[in-house]
Each structure stands twice: as structure tokens, then as C-alpha cells.
N, C-alpha and C. Protein backbone atom coordinates (compact mmCIF):
# COMPACT_ATOMS: atom_id res chain seq x y z
N MET A 1 1.15 -1.38 -0.30
CA MET A 1 -0.30 0.16 0.34
C MET A 1 1.04 1.43 0.30
N LYS A 2 0.91 2.12 -0.83
CA LYS A 2 1.67 3.86 -1.09
C LYS A 2 0.91 4.33 -0.52
N SER A 3 1.63 5.38 0.30
CA SER A 3 1.25 6.58 0.26
C SER A 3 0.35 7.09 -0.42
N SER A 4 0.25 7.71 -1.62
CA SER A 4 -1.24 7.77 -2.25
C SER A 4 -2.64 7.14 -1.79
N ASP A 5 -2.21 6.05 -1.76
CA ASP A 5 -3.22 4.65 -0.86
C ASP A 5 -4.15 5.56 0.22
N ILE A 6 -3.48 5.64 0.74
CA ILE A 6 -3.86 6.21 2.26
C ILE A 6 -3.75 7.12 2.70
N LEU A 7 -3.35 8.32 1.41
CA LEU A 7 -3.99 9.33 1.79
C LEU A 7 -5.67 9.78 0.67
N LEU A 8 -5.89 8.90 0.21
CA LEU A 8 -7.10 8.29 -0.61
C LEU A 8 -8.35 8.05 0.06
N ILE A 9 -7.60 7.24 1.21
CA ILE A 9 -8.56 6.58 1.83
C ILE A 9 -9.08 7.90 3.11
N VAL A 10 -7.72 8.41 3.73
CA VAL A 10 -7.87 9.55 4.72
C VAL A 10 -8.99 10.09 4.31
N ILE A 11 -9.13 11.01 2.98
CA ILE A 11 -9.87 11.46 2.27
C ILE A 11 -11.72 11.10 1.85
N ALA A 12 -11.29 9.59 1.92
CA ALA A 12 -12.55 9.06 1.75
C ALA A 12 -13.03 9.12 3.11
N VAL A 13 -12.30 9.05 4.10
CA VAL A 13 -13.68 9.08 5.35
C VAL A 13 -13.68 9.84 5.65
N LEU A 14 -13.26 11.44 5.52
CA LEU A 14 -13.50 12.91 5.59
C LEU A 14 -14.84 13.08 4.72
N PHE A 15 -14.79 12.56 3.28
CA PHE A 15 -15.26 13.44 2.69
C PHE A 15 -15.65 12.31 0.97
N PRO A 16 -16.37 11.37 1.23
CA PRO A 16 -16.34 10.34 0.55
C PRO A 16 -15.82 10.53 -1.37
N PRO A 17 -16.90 11.34 -2.08
CA PRO A 17 -16.69 11.89 -3.21
C PRO A 17 -15.59 13.04 -3.89
N VAL A 18 -14.81 13.00 -2.77
CA VAL A 18 -13.48 13.77 -3.47
C VAL A 18 -12.94 12.69 -3.59
N SER A 19 -12.68 11.36 -2.65
CA SER A 19 -12.16 10.46 -3.36
C SER A 19 -12.43 9.84 -4.53
N THR A 20 -13.65 9.70 -4.95
CA THR A 20 -14.04 9.48 -6.37
C THR A 20 -13.88 10.23 -6.98
N PHE A 21 -14.27 11.07 -7.32
CA PHE A 21 -13.51 12.43 -8.48
C PHE A 21 -11.73 12.07 -8.52
N PHE A 22 -11.22 11.65 -7.55
CA PHE A 22 -9.60 11.45 -7.69
C PHE A 22 -9.22 10.56 -8.83
N ILE A 23 -9.65 9.19 -8.50
CA ILE A 23 -9.97 8.25 -8.65
C ILE A 23 -10.56 8.21 -10.31
N CYS A 24 -11.64 8.18 -10.45
CA CYS A 24 -12.64 8.78 -12.16
C CYS A 24 -12.70 9.83 -12.62
N GLY A 25 -12.46 10.55 -11.75
CA GLY A 25 -12.77 12.28 -12.86
C GLY A 25 -14.08 12.76 -12.70
N CYS A 26 -15.12 13.29 -13.64
CA CYS A 26 -16.20 13.29 -13.47
C CYS A 26 -16.76 12.69 -14.35
N GLY A 27 -17.62 11.85 -14.20
CA GLY A 27 -18.80 10.62 -14.81
C GLY A 27 -19.36 10.21 -14.10
N ILE A 28 -19.81 8.85 -14.98
CA ILE A 28 -21.20 8.26 -13.36
C ILE A 28 -21.14 8.41 -12.39
N ASP A 29 -19.64 7.34 -12.22
CA ASP A 29 -19.11 6.87 -10.82
C ASP A 29 -19.03 8.09 -9.64
N LEU A 30 -18.58 9.50 -9.96
CA LEU A 30 -18.98 10.11 -9.50
C LEU A 30 -20.53 10.83 -9.02
N VAL A 31 -21.18 10.76 -9.86
CA VAL A 31 -22.60 10.95 -9.49
C VAL A 31 -23.20 9.68 -8.34
N ILE A 32 -23.33 8.79 -8.94
CA ILE A 32 -23.17 7.70 -8.21
C ILE A 32 -22.76 7.89 -6.07
N GLY A 33 -21.21 8.23 -6.24
CA GLY A 33 -20.79 8.36 -4.90
C GLY A 33 -21.09 9.92 -4.35
N ILE A 34 -22.09 10.65 -4.42
CA ILE A 34 -22.22 11.82 -4.62
C ILE A 34 -23.94 11.65 -4.00
N LEU A 35 -25.07 11.08 -4.59
CA LEU A 35 -26.16 10.23 -4.26
C LEU A 35 -26.04 9.34 -3.46
N LEU A 36 -25.56 8.37 -3.19
CA LEU A 36 -24.84 7.41 -2.05
C LEU A 36 -24.21 8.36 -0.37
N SER A 37 -23.69 9.26 -1.10
CA SER A 37 -22.98 10.29 0.22
C SER A 37 -24.31 11.18 0.72
N ILE A 38 -25.04 11.62 -0.20
CA ILE A 38 -26.51 11.95 0.17
C ILE A 38 -27.26 10.97 1.04
N LEU A 39 -27.70 10.18 0.45
CA LEU A 39 -28.50 9.36 1.49
C LEU A 39 -28.09 8.45 2.57
N GLY A 40 -26.94 8.96 2.87
CA GLY A 40 -25.97 8.43 3.88
C GLY A 40 -24.68 8.54 3.59
N TYR A 41 -23.65 8.82 5.27
CA TYR A 41 -22.50 8.79 5.18
C TYR A 41 -21.91 7.28 4.41
N ILE A 42 -22.28 6.36 5.22
CA ILE A 42 -21.78 4.75 5.48
C ILE A 42 -22.02 4.43 3.55
N PRO A 43 -22.67 4.35 2.79
CA PRO A 43 -23.23 4.09 1.65
C PRO A 43 -21.90 4.31 0.77
N GLY A 44 -22.37 6.15 0.85
CA GLY A 44 -20.82 6.81 0.69
C GLY A 44 -19.40 6.25 0.40
N LEU A 45 -19.46 5.53 1.46
CA LEU A 45 -17.86 5.59 2.26
C LEU A 45 -17.92 4.17 1.47
N ILE A 46 -18.72 3.17 1.79
CA ILE A 46 -18.12 1.86 1.36
C ILE A 46 -18.10 2.25 -0.57
N HIS A 47 -18.60 2.82 -1.14
CA HIS A 47 -18.41 2.89 -2.54
C HIS A 47 -17.25 3.48 -2.97
N SER A 48 -16.67 4.56 -2.04
CA SER A 48 -15.90 4.85 -2.12
C SER A 48 -14.10 4.07 -2.09
N LEU A 49 -14.33 3.43 -1.04
CA LEU A 49 -13.34 2.12 -0.54
C LEU A 49 -13.47 1.49 -1.45
N TRP A 50 -14.49 1.28 -1.89
CA TRP A 50 -14.72 -0.15 -2.93
C TRP A 50 -13.59 0.24 -4.55
N LEU A 51 -13.79 1.66 -5.15
CA LEU A 51 -12.92 2.32 -6.20
C LEU A 51 -11.34 1.84 -5.58
N ILE A 52 -11.22 2.58 -4.65
CA ILE A 52 -10.15 2.51 -3.84
C ILE A 52 -9.07 1.82 -3.87
N PHE A 53 -10.14 0.35 -4.04
CA PHE A 53 -9.07 -1.16 -3.67
C PHE A 53 -9.82 -1.68 -5.06
N ARG A 54 -10.11 -1.67 -5.50
CA ARG A 54 -10.77 -1.80 -7.02
C ARG A 54 -8.82 -1.02 -7.63
N LYS A 55 -8.87 0.22 -7.20
CA LYS A 55 -7.46 0.57 -8.32
C LYS A 55 -6.48 0.28 -7.94
N MET A 56 -6.15 -0.14 -6.59
CA MET A 56 -4.86 -1.04 -5.60
C MET A 56 -4.55 -2.27 -6.50
N GLU A 57 -6.05 -3.21 -6.92
CA GLU A 57 -5.79 -4.54 -7.26
C GLU A 57 -5.41 -4.07 -8.59
N ALA A 58 -5.55 -3.14 -9.66
CA ALA A 58 -5.29 -2.81 -11.10
C ALA A 58 -4.18 -2.67 -10.41
N GLU A 59 -3.42 -1.46 -9.66
CA GLU A 59 -1.93 -1.45 -9.40
C GLU A 59 -1.13 -2.35 -9.48
N GLU A 60 -1.85 -3.37 -8.20
CA GLU A 60 -0.89 -4.80 -8.66
C GLU A 60 -1.35 -6.16 -9.58
N ARG A 61 -1.61 -5.65 -10.33
CA ARG A 61 -1.82 -6.42 -11.66
C ARG A 61 -0.83 -6.24 -12.97
N PHE A 62 -1.13 -4.83 -13.43
CA PHE A 62 -0.96 -3.90 -14.45
C PHE A 62 0.43 -3.44 -14.11
N GLY A 63 0.56 -2.53 -12.93
CA GLY A 63 1.84 -2.14 -13.12
C GLY A 63 2.04 -0.86 -12.06
N GLN A 64 2.14 0.02 -11.95
CA GLN A 64 2.24 1.41 -11.63
C GLN A 64 1.74 2.17 -13.00
N ASP A 65 0.83 2.52 -13.08
CA ASP A 65 -0.09 4.22 -13.96
C ASP A 65 0.75 3.23 -15.69
N ALA A 66 0.05 1.72 -15.53
CA ALA A 66 0.33 0.81 -16.82
C ALA A 66 -1.50 1.10 -16.92
N PHE A 67 -2.22 1.18 -16.21
CA PHE A 67 -3.97 1.38 -16.83
C PHE A 67 -4.31 2.25 -16.55
N VAL A 68 -5.79 2.11 -16.59
CA VAL A 68 -7.16 3.48 -17.39
C VAL A 68 -7.87 2.89 -17.11
N TYR A 69 -8.97 3.65 -16.03
CA TYR A 69 -9.75 3.66 -15.47
C TYR A 69 -11.34 3.55 -16.02
N ILE A 70 -12.29 2.82 -16.63
CA ILE A 70 -13.21 2.25 -17.91
C ILE A 70 -14.16 2.55 -17.39
N GLY A 71 -14.69 2.82 -16.32
CA GLY A 71 -16.03 2.94 -15.42
C GLY A 71 -16.47 1.92 -15.23
N TYR A 72 -16.93 1.94 -13.94
CA TYR A 72 -18.13 1.42 -12.94
C TYR A 72 -17.06 0.09 -12.65
N GLY A 73 -15.74 0.58 -12.02
CA GLY A 73 -15.18 0.35 -10.83
C GLY A 73 -13.58 -0.68 -11.75
N ASN A 74 -14.13 -0.58 -13.26
CA ASN A 74 -13.12 -1.50 -13.73
C ASN A 74 -12.12 -0.77 -14.56
N PHE A 75 -11.04 -1.30 -14.28
CA PHE A 75 -9.44 -0.58 -14.83
C PHE A 75 -8.94 -1.73 -16.10
N GLU A 76 -8.02 -1.42 -17.19
CA GLU A 76 -8.10 -2.37 -18.02
C GLU A 76 -6.15 -1.65 -18.26
N GLN A 77 -5.51 -2.63 -19.03
CA GLN A 77 -4.25 -2.40 -19.29
C GLN A 77 -4.17 -0.84 -19.88
N ALA A 78 -2.92 -0.16 -20.12
CA ALA A 78 -3.16 0.99 -21.20
C ALA A 78 -2.28 0.19 -21.88
N VAL A 79 -2.97 0.86 -23.45
CA VAL A 79 -2.19 0.09 -24.77
C VAL A 79 -1.08 0.97 -24.42
N GLN A 80 -0.29 0.58 -24.83
CA GLN A 80 1.54 1.16 -25.57
C GLN A 80 1.96 1.40 -26.49
N SER A 81 1.95 2.80 -27.67
CA SER A 81 1.92 2.38 -29.15
C SER A 81 3.32 2.59 -28.88
N SER A 82 3.61 1.98 -29.64
CA SER A 82 5.15 1.61 -30.64
C SER A 82 5.18 2.24 -31.52
N PRO A 83 5.94 2.80 -32.35
CA PRO A 83 6.48 3.42 -33.48
C PRO A 83 6.74 2.18 -34.60
N PRO A 84 5.91 2.10 -35.94
CA PRO A 84 5.51 1.29 -36.96
C PRO A 84 6.98 0.69 -37.33
N PRO A 85 6.81 -0.41 -37.83
CA PRO A 85 8.26 -0.80 -37.68
C PRO A 85 9.20 -0.76 -38.97
N GLY A 86 10.43 -0.57 -39.01
CA GLY A 86 10.80 0.24 -40.21
C GLY A 86 11.07 2.01 -40.12
N TYR A 87 11.05 2.85 -38.97
CA TYR A 87 10.88 3.71 -38.55
C TYR A 87 12.29 3.91 -37.65
N GLY A 88 12.59 5.38 -38.64
CA GLY A 88 13.96 6.15 -38.05
C GLY A 88 15.18 5.01 -38.54
N ALA A 89 16.16 5.68 -37.46
CA ALA A 89 17.75 5.83 -38.07
C ALA A 89 17.95 4.39 -38.15
N THR A 90 16.84 3.33 -37.39
CA THR A 90 17.72 1.52 -37.10
C THR A 90 17.35 1.30 -38.33
N ALA A 91 16.21 1.39 -39.11
CA ALA A 91 15.57 0.49 -40.11
C ALA A 91 16.42 0.24 -41.07
N ASN A 92 16.97 -1.13 -41.07
CA ASN A 92 17.83 -1.83 -41.93
C ASN A 92 17.24 -1.80 -43.69
N ASN A 93 16.49 -0.32 -44.23
CA ASN A 93 16.13 -0.41 -45.23
C ASN A 93 17.54 -0.63 -46.56
N GLN A 94 17.48 -1.76 -46.79
CA GLN A 94 18.14 -2.29 -48.20
C GLN A 94 17.94 -1.99 -49.59
N VAL A 95 18.12 -1.69 -50.44
CA VAL A 95 17.78 -1.81 -51.78
C VAL A 95 18.05 -2.63 -53.07
């Protein structure tokens, strides 16, 4: 567990929608987090902690900053682009 994860948990305990925003940005999960927090503190906290632990799971599975949030608590591995074959000075293009 990193210090940023601990900080997210502390923020979640103080105000759950803020930690949801830090993980998901402005989207449906933030709306869900706000509505759950309006309904009661505990549902909003549970939703926020669930997102934090899903993020921690994605960090373990894909590596630090090697994943993207796709919505509804799901993360997937980030696509890393590579230059096309034969691009640059290292290409062995002989005529």
C-alpha cells in the first residue's frame, strides 16, 4: 500500500465523493458517489473504499500508471503505442 492510497483512504473517510473524483474524474461514478453520500455517509464511504481497493488491485495487476479507468469500477491495461516497423534511423532498409 502506497502513501497515495493511504491519503485516498483518509480523504474517503472525511468526504467520500472527493476520493471518488480523484480516482474516476467527472463521470457516472462520481454521480453515484454523491447520491450515495446524500442517502447516507456509510453507503458513500463503502462506494469510495470499493473504488480505492479496485484501483489498488489494478496497480498490482498491471503496474504503476499502466492502466486506465474504463468505468463502473473497472480498470484495464493501458495500450502503449510503439513506432511502426522500419521507422527511424535504426531500420535496415536496403534496396
